C-alpha atoms as a PDB file:
ATOM      1  CA  MET A   1     106.702 118.442  72.479  1.00  0.00           C
ATOM      2  CA  ASN A   2     105.668 114.659  74.526  1.00  0.00           C
ATOM      3  CA  ALA A   3     106.097 113.498  78.062  1.00  0.00           C
ATOM      4  CA  SER A   4     109.165 111.390  76.899  1.00  0.00           C
ATOM      5  CA  THR A   5     111.216 114.574  76.056  1.00  0.00           C
ATOM      6  CA  TRP A   6     112.669 115.684  79.445  1.00  0.00           C
ATOM      7  CA  ILE A   7     114.569 114.282  82.231  1.00  0.00           C
ATOM      8  CA  ASP A   8     113.042 114.097  85.459  1.00  0.00           C
ATOM      9  CA  CYS A   9     114.306 114.413  89.149  1.00  0.00           C
ATOM     10  CA  ASP A  10     114.187 110.059  89.215  1.00  0.00           C
ATOM     11  CA  THR A  11     115.749 109.660  85.624  1.00  0.00           C
ATOM     12  CA  ARG A  12     119.107 108.048  86.043  1.00  0.00           C
ATOM     13  CA  PHE A  13     121.859 110.181  83.664  1.00  0.00           C
ATOM     14  CA  ILE A  14     123.852 111.744  86.021  1.00  0.00           C
ATOM     15  CA  ALA A  15     127.842 109.621  85.636  1.00  0.00           C
ATOM     16  CA  ALA A  16     128.379 108.928  89.223  1.00  0.00           C
ATOM     17  CA  ARG A  17     132.472 109.532  88.384  1.00  0.00           C
ATOM     18  CA  GLY A  18     131.738 112.747  87.181  1.00  0.00           C
ATOM     19  CA  GLN A  19     130.810 115.300  89.458  1.00  0.00           C
ATOM     20  CA  PRO A  20     129.603 113.597  92.428  1.00  0.00           C
ATOM     21  CA  ALA A  21     132.883 111.727  92.561  1.00  0.00           C
ATOM     22  CA  CYS A  22     134.365 115.265  92.657  1.00  0.00           C
ATOM     23  CA  LEU A  23     132.292 116.220  95.874  1.00  0.00           C
ATOM     24  CA  ILE A  24     133.270 112.497  97.378  1.00  0.00           C
ATOM     25  CA  ASP A  25     136.910 112.889  96.939  1.00  0.00           C
ATOM     26  CA  LEU A  26     136.139 116.676  98.602  1.00  0.00           C
ATOM     27  CA  ALA A  27     134.914 114.910 101.500  1.00  0.00           C
ATOM     28  CA  LEU A  28     136.465 112.201 102.230  1.00  0.00           C
ATOM     29  CA  SER A  29     140.018 114.076 101.850  1.00  0.00           C
ATOM     30  CA  ARG A  30     138.895 116.218 104.913  1.00  0.00           C
ATOM     31  CA  GLY A  31     138.065 112.710 106.969  1.00  0.00           C
ATOM     32  CA  ILE A  32     134.603 112.303 106.175  1.00  0.00           C
ATOM     33  CA  ASP A  33     132.966 108.762 106.493  1.00  0.00           C
ATOM     34  CA  SER A  34     132.158 107.546 103.112  1.00  0.00           C
ATOM     35  CA  HIS A  35     129.153 105.365 105.065  1.00  0.00           C
ATOM     36  CA  ARG A  36     127.855 108.803 106.608  1.00  0.00           C
ATOM     37  CA  LEU A  37     128.162 110.565 103.237  1.00  0.00           C
ATOM     38  CA  LEU A  38     126.919 108.433 101.259  1.00  0.00           C
ATOM     39  CA  LYS A  39     124.108 107.311 103.446  1.00  0.00           C
ATOM     40  CA  GLY A  40     120.163 107.860 101.821  1.00  0.00           C
ATOM     41  CA  THR A  41     121.965 108.262  98.380  1.00  0.00           C
ATOM     42  CA  GLY A  42     121.563 104.572  97.410  1.00  0.00           C
ATOM     43  CA  LEU A  43     125.144 104.787  96.079  1.00  0.00           C
ATOM     44  CA  PHE A  44     128.135 102.687  97.736  1.00  0.00           C
ATOM     45  CA  TYR A  45     131.840 103.733  97.795  1.00  0.00           C
ATOM     46  CA  GLU A  46     132.517 100.711  95.594  1.00  0.00           C
ATOM     47  CA  ASP A  47     129.929 100.888  93.098  1.00  0.00           C
ATOM     48  CA  LEU A  48     132.243 104.104  92.239  1.00  0.00           C
ATOM     49  CA  LEU A  49     135.300 101.930  92.222  1.00  0.00           C
ATOM     50  CA  GLU A  50     133.829  98.530  90.203  1.00  0.00           C
ATOM     51  CA  ASN A  51     130.858 100.272  88.000  1.00  0.00           C
ATOM     52  CA  ASP A  52     130.006 103.333  86.272  1.00  0.00           C
ATOM     53  CA  PRO A  53     126.724 103.902  87.541  1.00  0.00           C
ATOM     54  CA  LEU A  54     124.096 107.138  86.238  1.00  0.00           C
ATOM     55  CA  ILE A  55     122.385 108.436  89.257  1.00  0.00           C
ATOM     56  CA  THR A  56     119.232 110.965  89.673  1.00  0.00           C
ATOM     57  CA  ALA A  57     119.086 114.751  90.112  1.00  0.00           C
ATOM     58  CA  ARG A  58     117.409 113.507  93.427  1.00  0.00           C
ATOM     59  CA  GLN A  59     120.216 111.093  94.432  1.00  0.00           C
ATOM     60  CA  PHE A  60     122.563 113.440  93.504  1.00  0.00           C
ATOM     61  CA  HIS A  61     120.805 116.750  95.736  1.00  0.00           C
ATOM     62  CA  CYS A  62     121.141 113.749  98.788  1.00  0.00           C
ATOM     63  CA  LEU A  63     124.817 113.562  98.213  1.00  0.00           C
ATOM     64  CA  ILE A  64     124.877 116.982  98.053  1.00  0.00           C
ATOM     65  CA  ASP A  65     122.966 118.038 101.221  1.00  0.00           C
ATOM     66  CA  ASN A  66     124.834 115.260 103.275  1.00  0.00           C
ATOM     67  CA  ALA A  67     128.847 116.911 102.246  1.00  0.00           C
ATOM     68  CA  ARG A  68     127.000 120.372 103.256  1.00  0.00           C
ATOM     69  CA  GLN A  69     126.290 119.223 106.537  1.00  0.00           C
ATOM     70  CA  LEU A  70     129.457 116.886 107.146  1.00  0.00           C
ATOM     71  CA  LEU A  71     131.259 119.445 105.563  1.00  0.00           C
ATOM     72  CA  ALA A  72     130.116 122.253 107.427  1.00  0.00           C
ATOM     73  CA  ALA A  73     132.819 124.488 106.025  1.00  0.00           C
ATOM     74  CA  ASP A  74     132.818 127.759 104.097  1.00  0.00           C
ATOM     75  CA  ASP A  75     134.782 127.448 101.339  1.00  0.00           C
ATOM     76  CA  SER A  76     133.657 123.707 100.474  1.00  0.00           C
ATOM     77  CA  ALA A  77     131.406 124.992  96.943  1.00  0.00           C
ATOM     78  CA  PHE A  78     134.037 126.922  96.068  1.00  0.00           C
ATOM     79  CA  LEU A  79     136.754 124.292  96.369  1.00  0.00           C
ATOM     80  CA  PHE A  80     133.561 121.923  94.430  1.00  0.00           C
ATOM     81  CA  GLY A  81     133.436 124.234  91.997  1.00  0.00           C
ATOM     82  CA  GLN A  82     136.936 124.262  90.912  1.00  0.00           C
ATOM     83  CA  GLN A  83     136.916 120.620  89.716  1.00  0.00           C
ATOM     84  CA  LEU A  84     133.993 121.132  87.312  1.00  0.00           C
ATOM     85  CA  LEU A  85     135.085 122.708  84.187  1.00  0.00           C
ATOM     86  CA  PRO A  86     136.343 121.504  82.186  1.00  0.00           C
ATOM     87  CA  GLY A  87     136.598 118.279  84.460  1.00  0.00           C
ATOM     88  CA  HIS A  88     137.336 114.968  83.588  1.00  0.00           C
ATOM     89  CA  TYR A  89     134.133 113.867  81.492  1.00  0.00           C
ATOM     90  CA  GLY A  90     136.346 112.909  78.366  1.00  0.00           C
ATOM     91  CA  ALA A  91     134.891 114.120  75.056  1.00  0.00           C
ATOM     92  CA  THR A  92     132.625 117.117  77.011  1.00  0.00           C
ATOM     93  CA  SER A  93     135.857 118.247  78.869  1.00  0.00           C
ATOM     94  CA  ASN A  94     137.862 118.055  75.768  1.00  0.00           C
ATOM     95  CA  LEU A  95     135.313 120.238  73.540  1.00  0.00           C
ATOM     96  CA  LEU A  96     135.810 123.187  76.161  1.00  0.00           C
ATOM     97  CA  LEU A  97     138.786 123.179  75.819  1.00  0.00           C
ATOM     98  CA  GLN A  98     139.095 122.565  72.263  1.00  0.00           C
ATOM     99  CA  ALA A  99     136.848 125.966  71.658  1.00  0.00           C
ATOM    100  CA  ASP A 100     138.214 128.707  69.500  1.00  0.00           C
ATOM    101  CA  SER A 101     136.990 131.390  72.126  1.00  0.00           C
ATOM    102  CA  LEU A 102     135.689 131.311  75.627  1.00  0.00           C
ATOM    103  CA  LEU A 103     132.549 132.192  73.589  1.00  0.00           C
ATOM    104  CA  GLN A 104     132.737 129.017  72.377  1.00  0.00           C
ATOM    105  CA  SER A 105     133.082 127.249  75.209  1.00  0.00           C
ATOM    106  CA  LEU A 106     129.981 128.986  77.127  1.00  0.00           C
ATOM    107  CA  GLN A 107     127.740 128.291  74.454  1.00  0.00           C
ATOM    108  CA  HIS A 108     129.195 124.316  74.196  1.00  0.00           C
ATOM    109  CA  LEU A 109     128.783 124.273  78.199  1.00  0.00           C
ATOM    110  CA  GLN A 110     124.871 125.466  77.409  1.00  0.00           C
ATOM    111  CA  GLN A 111     124.094 122.738  74.545  1.00  0.00           C
ATOM    112  CA  PHE A 112     125.863 120.051  76.647  1.00  0.00           C
ATOM    113  CA  LYS A 113     123.854 121.450  80.089  1.00  0.00           C
ATOM    114  CA  ALA A 114     122.882 117.910  80.810  1.00  0.00           C
ATOM    115  CA  LEU A 115     126.711 116.014  80.746  1.00  0.00           C
ATOM    116  CA  LEU A 116     128.425 119.546  82.011  1.00  0.00           C
ATOM    117  CA  SER A 117     125.687 121.315  84.317  1.00  0.00           C
ATOM    118  CA  PRO A 118     123.155 118.678  85.128  1.00  0.00           C
ATOM    119  CA  LEU A 119     121.526 120.321  88.124  1.00  0.00           C
ATOM    120  CA  CYS A 120     121.595 124.128  87.357  1.00  0.00           C
ATOM    121  CA  ALA A 121     121.095 124.942  83.717  1.00  0.00           C
ATOM    122  CA  PRO A 122     123.553 127.865  81.923  1.00  0.00           C
ATOM    123  CA  VAL A 123     121.115 130.436  79.666  1.00  0.00           C
ATOM    124  CA  LEU A 124     123.140 132.455  77.843  1.00  0.00           C
ATOM    125  CA  ARG A 125     122.199 136.093  76.582  1.00  0.00           C
ATOM    126  CA  LEU A 126     124.240 138.413  74.653  1.00  0.00           C
ATOM    127  CA  ASP A 127     124.282 142.178  73.457  1.00  0.00           C
ATOM    128  CA  GLU A 128     126.861 144.720  72.270  1.00  0.00           C
ATOM    129  CA  GLN A 129     128.441 145.101  75.047  1.00  0.00           C
ATOM    130  CA  SER A 130     128.072 142.111  77.030  1.00  0.00           C
ATOM    131  CA  LEU A 131     127.634 138.412  78.062  1.00  0.00           C
ATOM    132  CA  TYR A 132     125.283 137.772  80.120  1.00  0.00           C
ATOM    133  CA  LEU A 133     125.225 133.996  81.987  1.00  0.00           C
ATOM    134  CA  TYR A 134     122.109 133.311  83.952  1.00  0.00           C
ATOM    135  CA  TRP A 135     121.700 130.234  86.451  1.00  0.00           C
ATOM    136  CA  LEU A 136     118.171 128.117  86.739  1.00  0.00           C
ATOM    137  CA  ASP A 137     118.103 125.520  88.984  1.00  0.00           C
ATOM    138  CA  SER A 138     117.029 122.407  86.591  1.00  0.00           C
ATOM    139  CA  PHE A 139     115.525 120.842  89.616  1.00  0.00           C
ATOM    140  CA  ALA A 140     114.113 121.576  92.696  1.00  0.00           C
ATOM    141  CA  SER A 141     117.325 122.501  95.083  1.00  0.00           C
ATOM    142  CA  GLY A 142     115.473 123.632  97.872  1.00  0.00           C
ATOM    143  CA  LYS A 143     118.418 123.989 100.783  1.00  0.00           C
ATOM    144  CA  ASN A 144     121.363 122.997  98.484  1.00  0.00           C
ATOM    145  CA  SER A 145     120.280 126.134  95.843  1.00  0.00           C
ATOM    146  CA  GLN A 146     122.866 128.484  97.243  1.00  0.00           C
ATOM    147  CA  PHE A 147     125.962 125.597  97.020  1.00  0.00           C
ATOM    148  CA  VAL A 148     125.051 124.974  93.561  1.00  0.00           C
ATOM    149  CA  ILE A 149     125.045 128.432  92.496  1.00  0.00           C
ATOM    150  CA  ASP A 150     128.095 128.915  94.288  1.00  0.00           C
ATOM    151  CA  ALA A 151     129.756 126.385  92.987  1.00  0.00           C
ATOM    152  CA  SER A 152     128.453 126.455  89.238  1.00  0.00           C
ATOM    153  CA  MET A 153     129.926 130.587  89.202  1.00  0.00           C
ATOM    154  CA  THR A 154     133.299 129.642  90.646  1.00  0.00           C
ATOM    155  CA  ALA A 155     133.372 126.390  87.921  1.00  0.00           C
ATOM    156  CA  VAL A 156     132.542 128.991  85.031  1.00  0.00           C
ATOM    157  CA  THR A 157     135.188 131.080  86.597  1.00  0.00           C
ATOM    158  CA  ALA A 158     137.839 128.553  86.954  1.00  0.00           C
ATOM    159  CA  LEU A 159     137.203 127.259  82.918  1.00  0.00           C
ATOM    160  CA  SER A 160     137.510 131.041  81.862  1.00  0.00           C
ATOM    161  CA  ARG A 161     140.710 131.920  83.663  1.00  0.00           C
ATOM    162  CA  ARG A 162     142.299 128.550  82.292  1.00  0.00           C
ATOM    163  CA  ILE A 163     140.502 129.080  78.320  1.00  0.00           C
ATOM    164  CA  ALA A 164     142.391 133.155  79.000  1.00  0.00           C
ATOM    165  CA  GLY A 165     145.108 132.489  80.779  1.00  0.00           C
ATOM    166  CA  CYS A 166     144.622 134.929  83.403  1.00  0.00           C
ATOM    167  CA  ALA A 167     141.722 135.986  85.315  1.00  0.00           C
ATOM    168  CA  LEU A 168     138.824 137.547  83.614  1.00  0.00           C
ATOM    169  CA  PRO A 169     136.837 140.459  85.367  1.00  0.00           C
ATOM    170  CA  TRP A 170     133.183 138.853  85.743  1.00  0.00           C
ATOM    171  CA  GLN A 171     130.536 140.765  87.396  1.00  0.00           C
ATOM    172  CA  TYR A 172     128.353 138.789  89.871  1.00  0.00           C
ATOM    173  CA  HIS A 173     125.016 139.039  90.624  1.00  0.00           C
ATOM    174  CA  ILE A 174     123.512 136.444  92.972  1.00  0.00           C
ATOM    175  CA  ALA A 175     120.271 136.024  94.561  1.00  0.00           C
ATOM    176  CA  HIS A 176     120.805 135.510  97.965  1.00  0.00           C
ATOM    177  CA  ALA A 177     122.066 137.207 100.840  1.00  0.00           C
ATOM    178  CA  GLU A 178     125.561 138.092 101.364  1.00  0.00           C
ATOM    179  CA  PRO A 179     126.971 135.784 104.423  1.00  0.00           C
ATOM    180  CA  ILE A 180     129.298 136.592 106.870  1.00  0.00           C
ATOM    181  CA  TYR A 181     132.428 134.277 105.179  1.00  0.00           C
ATOM    182  CA  ILE A 182     132.301 137.072 102.443  1.00  0.00           C
ATOM    183  CA  GLU A 183     136.240 136.983 101.890  1.00  0.00           C
ATOM    184  CA  GLN A 184     135.661 132.856 100.227  1.00  0.00           C
ATOM    185  CA  TYR A 185     134.032 135.081  97.133  1.00  0.00           C
ATOM    186  CA  TRP A 186     136.865 137.698  96.957  1.00  0.00           C
ATOM    187  CA  VAL A 187     139.093 134.716  97.032  1.00  0.00           C
ATOM    188  CA  HIS A 188     137.494 132.270  94.657  1.00  0.00           C
ATOM    189  CA  LEU A 189     135.365 134.871  92.245  1.00  0.00           C
ATOM    190  CA  ASN A 190     136.019 138.156  92.845  1.00  0.00           C
ATOM    191  CA  GLU A 191     135.228 141.510  94.517  1.00  0.00           C
ATOM    192  CA  ARG A 192     132.662 142.784  91.855  1.00  0.00           C
ATOM    193  CA  LEU A 193     129.573 141.553  93.800  1.00  0.00           C
ATOM    194  CA  ARG A 194     125.843 142.297  94.131  1.00  0.00           C
ATOM    195  CA  PHE A 195     123.614 139.921  96.525  1.00  0.00           C
ATOM    196  CA  ASN A 196     119.971 139.854  97.134  1.00  0.00           C
ATOM    197  CA  SER A 197     120.149 139.854  93.101  1.00  0.00           C
ATOM    198  CA  PRO A 198     116.495 139.109  91.558  1.00  0.00           C
ATOM    199  CA  THR A 199     118.052 136.437  89.857  1.00  0.00           C
ATOM    200  CA  SER A 200     121.756 134.820  89.496  1.00  0.00           C
ATOM    201  CA  PHE A 201     123.745 135.677  86.763  1.00  0.00           C
ATOM    202  CA  MET A 202     127.257 136.513  85.704  1.00  0.00           C
ATOM    203  CA  ARG A 203     128.221 139.111  83.341  1.00  0.00           C
ATOM    204  CA  LEU A 204     131.229 139.708  81.234  1.00  0.00           C
ATOM    205  CA  SER A 205     132.617 142.474  78.610  1.00  0.00           C
ATOM    206  CA  ARG A 206     132.159 140.945  75.221  1.00  0.00           C
ATOM    207  CA  GLU A 207     136.303 141.829  74.500  1.00  0.00           C
ATOM    208  CA  HIS A 208     137.256 139.126  76.651  1.00  0.00           C
ATOM    209  CA  LEU A 209     134.933 136.477  74.929  1.00  0.00           C
ATOM    210  CA  VAL A 210     137.625 136.197  72.323  1.00  0.00           C
ATOM    211  CA  ALA A 211     140.342 135.223  74.932  1.00  0.00           C
ATOM    212  CA  ARG A 212     142.672 132.221  74.218  1.00  0.00           C
ATOM    213  CA  ALA A 213     145.521 131.609  75.850  1.00  0.00           C
ATOM    214  CA  GLY A 214     146.634 128.624  73.525  1.00  0.00           C
ATOM    215  CA  GLN A 215     146.191 127.157  70.237  1.00  0.00           C
ATOM    216  CA  ALA A 216     142.932 125.231  69.939  1.00  0.00           C
ATOM    217  CA  SER A 217     142.820 122.363  67.277  1.00  0.00           C
ATOM    218  CA  THR A 218     139.996 122.227  65.111  1.00  0.00           C
ATOM    219  CA  VAL A 219     140.120 118.419  64.230  1.00  0.00           C
ATOM    220  CA  LEU A 220     140.068 117.848  68.380  1.00  0.00           C
ATOM    221  CA  GLY A 221     137.473 120.130  68.406  1.00  0.00           C
ATOM    222  CA  GLN A 222     135.236 118.452  65.969  1.00  0.00           C
ATOM    223  CA  ILE A 223     135.980 115.120  67.064  1.00  0.00           C
ATOM    224  CA  ALA A 224     135.227 115.792  70.728  1.00  0.00           C
ATOM    225  CA  GLU A 225     132.070 117.119  69.282  1.00  0.00           C
ATOM    226  CA  GLN A 226     130.809 114.408  67.616  1.00  0.00           C
ATOM    227  CA  GLN A 227     131.193 112.092  70.651  1.00  0.00           C
ATOM    228  CA  SER A 228     129.881 114.622  73.102  1.00  0.00           C
ATOM    229  CA  LEU A 229     126.697 114.769  71.277  1.00  0.00           C
ATOM    230  CA  GLN A 230     126.568 110.741  70.964  1.00  0.00           C
ATOM    231  CA  GLN A 231     126.692 110.956  74.353  1.00  0.00           C
ATOM    232  CA  LEU A 232     123.656 113.942  74.971  1.00  0.00           C
ATOM    233  CA  ASN A 233     121.870 111.897  72.451  1.00  0.00           C
ATOM    234  CA  ALA A 234     122.795 108.557  74.503  1.00  0.00           C
ATOM    235  CA  LEU A 235     120.603 109.974  77.117  1.00  0.00           C
ATOM    236  CA  ALA A 236     116.720 109.731  77.766  1.00  0.00           C
ATOM    237  CA  ALA A 237     115.906 113.509  77.218  1.00  0.00           C
ATOM    238  CA  THR A 238     118.704 116.695  76.972  1.00  0.00           C
ATOM    239  CA  GLN A 239     116.955 119.018  79.384  1.00  0.00           C
ATOM    240  CA  SER A 240     114.588 119.017  82.568  1.00  0.00           C
ATOM    241  CA  LEU A 241     111.098 119.986  82.345  1.00  0.00           C
ATOM    242  CA  THR A 242     111.877 122.850  83.948  1.00  0.00           C
ATOM    243  CA  ASP A 243     114.456 124.151  81.841  1.00  0.00           C
ATOM    244  CA  ALA A 244     111.854 122.871  78.410  1.00  0.00           C
ATOM    245  CA  LEU A 245     109.388 124.791  80.191  1.00  0.00           C
ATOM    246  CA  PHE A 246     111.644 127.852  80.717  1.00  0.00           C
ATOM    247  CA  ASP A 247     112.651 127.941  77.189  1.00  0.00           C
ATOM    248  CA  TYR A 248     108.974 127.544  76.048  1.00  0.00           C
ATOM    249  CA  LEU A 249     107.409 130.472  78.357  1.00  0.00           C
ATOM    250  CA  CYS A 250     110.684 132.708  76.644  1.00  0.00           C
ATOM    251  CA  GLU A 251     109.377 131.982  73.350  1.00  0.00           C
ATOM    252  CA  HIS A 252     105.435 132.287  74.379  1.00  0.00           C
ATOM    253  CA  ILE A 253     105.725 134.923  77.041  1.00  0.00           C
ATOM    254  CA  SER A 254     103.924 137.975  74.455  1.00  0.00           C
ATOM    255  CA  LYS A 255     101.784 135.651  73.001  1.00  0.00           C
ATOM    256  CA  LEU A 256     101.031 132.902  76.240  1.00  0.00           C
ATOM    257  CA  ALA A 257      97.186 131.848  76.202  1.00  0.00           C
ATOM    258  CA  GLY A 258      97.365 130.308  79.865  1.00  0.00           C
ATOM    259  CA  LEU A 259      97.916 127.024  81.534  1.00  0.00           C
ATOM    260  CA  GLU A 260      95.691 124.384  79.560  1.00  0.00           C
ATOM    261  CA  GLN A 261      97.311 125.625  76.696  1.00  0.00           C
ATOM    262  CA  VAL A 262     100.606 125.119  77.539  1.00  0.00           C
ATOM    263  CA  ALA A 263      99.524 121.694  78.872  1.00  0.00           C
ATOM    264  CA  ALA A 264      98.264 121.114  75.467  1.00  0.00           C
ATOM    265  CA  ASP A 265     101.434 122.283  73.692  1.00  0.00           C
ATOM    266  CA  PHE A 266     103.817 120.186  75.940  1.00  0.00           C
ATOM    267  CA  GLY A 267     101.476 116.943  74.957  1.00  0.00           C
ATOM    268  CA  LEU A 268      99.999 116.728  78.232  1.00  0.00           C
ATOM    269  CA  SER A 269      96.359 117.367  80.342  1.00  0.00           C
ATOM    270  CA  CYS A 270      96.094 120.407  82.426  1.00  0.00           C
ATOM    271  CA  ALA A 271      95.865 117.690  85.510  1.00  0.00           C
ATOM    272  CA  THR A 272      98.766 115.530  84.179  1.00  0.00           C
ATOM    273  CA  PHE A 273     101.164 118.611  83.694  1.00  0.00           C
ATOM    274  CA  LYS A 274      99.985 120.105  87.526  1.00  0.00           C
ATOM    275  CA  ARG A 275     101.159 116.676  88.589  1.00  0.00           C
ATOM    276  CA  ARG A 276     104.137 116.474  86.463  1.00  0.00           C
ATOM    277  CA  LEU A 277     105.352 119.999  87.785  1.00  0.00           C
ATOM    278  CA  GLN A 278     104.389 118.760  91.810  1.00  0.00           C
ATOM    279  CA  ARG A 279     106.661 115.665  91.188  1.00  0.00           C
ATOM    280  CA  GLU A 280     109.469 117.876  89.936  1.00  0.00           C
ATOM    281  CA  GLY A 281     108.814 120.250  93.547  1.00  0.00           C
ATOM    282  CA  THR A 282     107.234 123.011  91.646  1.00  0.00           C
ATOM    283  CA  HIS A 283     104.298 124.426  89.817  1.00  0.00           C
ATOM    284  CA  PHE A 284     103.464 126.291  86.995  1.00  0.00           C
ATOM    285  CA  GLN A 285     103.176 129.732  88.585  1.00  0.00           C
ATOM    286  CA  ALA A 286     106.359 129.436  90.343  1.00  0.00           C
ATOM    287  CA  GLN A 287     108.175 128.773  86.506  1.00  0.00           C
ATOM    288  CA  LEU A 288     106.105 131.883  85.324  1.00  0.00           C
ATOM    289  CA  ASP A 289     107.488 134.099  87.912  1.00  0.00           C
ATOM    290  CA  ARG A 290     110.967 132.967  87.358  1.00  0.00           C
ATOM    291  CA  ALA A 291     110.660 133.227  83.656  1.00  0.00           C
ATOM    292  CA  ARG A 292     108.659 136.547  83.459  1.00  0.00           C
ATOM    293  CA  THR A 293     111.677 138.130  86.343  1.00  0.00           C
ATOM    294  CA  LEU A 294     114.575 136.568  83.486  1.00  0.00           C
ATOM    295  CA  ILE A 295     112.715 138.195  81.043  1.00  0.00           C
ATOM    296  CA  ALA A 296     112.021 141.870  83.000  1.00  0.00           C
ATOM    297  CA  LEU A 297     115.816 141.484  83.641  1.00  0.00           C
ATOM    298  CA  ASP A 298     117.025 140.516  80.109  1.00  0.00           C
ATOM    299  CA  LEU A 299     114.890 143.346  78.604  1.00  0.00           C
ATOM    300  CA  TYR A 300     116.560 146.059  81.228  1.00  0.00           C
ATOM    301  CA  LEU A 301     119.924 144.726  80.819  1.00  0.00           C
ATOM    302  CA  ARG A 302     120.429 143.742  77.063  1.00  0.00           C
ATOM    303  CA  ARG A 303     117.838 146.243  75.264  1.00  0.00           C
ATOM    304  CA  GLY A 304     117.029 148.849  77.542  1.00  0.00           C
ATOM    305  CA  PHE A 305     112.839 148.848  77.780  1.00  0.00           C
ATOM    306  CA  SER A 306     111.255 151.245  79.310  1.00  0.00           C
ATOM    307  CA  ASN A 307     108.734 150.492  82.356  1.00  0.00           C
ATOM    308  CA  GLU A 308     105.932 150.277  80.297  1.00  0.00           C
ATOM    309  CA  ALA A 309     107.717 148.756  77.135  1.00  0.00           C
ATOM    310  CA  VAL A 310     108.608 145.907  79.795  1.00  0.00           C
ATOM    311  CA  ALA A 311     104.953 145.764  80.915  1.00  0.00           C
ATOM    312  CA  ILE A 312     103.400 145.141  77.822  1.00  0.00           C
ATOM    313  CA  TYR A 313     105.803 142.597  76.306  1.00  0.00           C
ATOM    314  CA  LEU A 314     105.073 140.711  80.024  1.00  0.00           C
ATOM    315  CA  ARG A 315     101.044 141.296  79.105  1.00  0.00           C
ATOM    316  CA  PHE A 316     100.398 143.277  82.115  1.00  0.00           C
ATOM    317  CA  ASN A 317      98.094 145.669  81.260  1.00  0.00           C
ATOM    318  CA  ASP A 318      97.794 147.328  83.916  1.00  0.00           C
ATOM    319  CA  ARG A 319     100.689 149.535  85.640  1.00  0.00           C
ATOM    320  CA  THR A 320      99.838 149.030  88.927  1.00  0.00           C
ATOM    321  CA  ASN A 321      99.734 145.530  88.074  1.00  0.00           C
ATOM    322  CA  PHE A 322     103.426 144.930  86.700  1.00  0.00           C
ATOM    323  CA  ARG A 323     104.267 147.092  89.828  1.00  0.00           C
ATOM    324  CA  ARG A 324     102.948 144.767  92.090  1.00  0.00           C
ATOM    325  CA  PHE A 325     104.388 141.413  90.321  1.00  0.00           C
ATOM    326  CA  LEU A 326     108.033 142.968  90.667  1.00  0.00           C
ATOM    327  CA  LYS A 327     108.047 144.292  93.890  1.00  0.00           C
ATOM    328  CA  ARG A 328     106.958 140.459  94.738  1.00  0.00           C
ATOM    329  CA  LEU A 329     109.714 138.704  93.196  1.00  0.00           C
ATOM    330  CA  THR A 330     112.304 141.271  93.508  1.00  0.00           C
ATOM    331  CA  GLY A 331     111.830 143.431  96.410  1.00  0.00           C
ATOM    332  CA  ARG A 332     111.913 146.423  94.052  1.00  0.00           C
ATOM    333  CA  SER A 333     109.640 148.597  91.813  1.00  0.00           C
ATOM    334  CA  PRO A 334     110.547 148.949  88.437  1.00  0.00           C
ATOM    335  CA  THR A 335     112.012 151.895  88.722  1.00  0.00           C
ATOM    336  CA  ASP A 336     114.281 150.962  91.839  1.00  0.00           C
ATOM    337  CA  LEU A 337     114.927 147.817  89.772  1.00  0.00           C
ATOM    338  CA  ARG A 338     116.667 149.776  86.687  1.00  0.00           C
ATOM    339  CA  GLN A 339     118.209 151.694  88.244  1.00  0.00           C
ATOM    340  CA  TRP A 340     120.163 149.123  90.853  1.00  0.00           C
ATOM    341  CA  LEU A 341     120.888 147.220  87.594  1.00  0.00           C
ATOM    342  CA  GLY A 342     122.823 150.660  86.926  1.00  0.00           C
END
């Protein structure tokens, strides 16, 4: 790896006429003044009409923050999410629709996340019974985190309904606390909801992954994939530093040697690696905790590991330390977490 292979929060890679335009349209439809909406974003409404600008994750988050405050409506994230997938992004949107199954469409979503889900990375995991779709911050969402997660889950829910031709029985595990406007979740997702989850993810039985309401075109799908790959390869990089670090930690967690080795494997000095993470609004321990939490959940859910087996896999030699770790990050002891996950 080298330092030029990641997108950072100031890389211009998000097409403003894509997801940002959907949010702008939603705000304008509710009477929000465009100048107030775009304040601090570095975007101008005329740019969207006359050019095809690329914006950064930082700019997009500024837009989301403005929209949240100006709209001040309980349904904003859900209405925004309904517009995101398959969206109007040319080849990549067509690729999702021409998939021969819901599973393939979700795999495309993961592969082309920089184009289709630039702020929130979808992470797919499968076992014999279920698909798990985890959602991870690609950039520091901060106070926009709940909005982005709700919109992302709504987007996949709407996409799967379109592909299957009916609503599918997704289960939703959501990291934030249950809000007072719970009816919005019932309307736009469903009632299979669990809040205060250690991390946000969706779960669906594998029997629904082959769902396909209409006939997909193999030829059009292949053309769309080629065009999507060209778009992806034209970007400065295909994923954020924190996404790359998450993938690395998942692969090396059972033999992790320490921060110095990680930095070296990323082609950076330890000090530079720390600065790069700090610029993204995070630090190594936070990213390590995030990866360990998701890996622990995955081992419990998909592989049925015991508490001791999970602790050993994550390189906790002391059961007490493992218990403290899970209690700190999930609010639950290992046994309580396993029971809560069901």
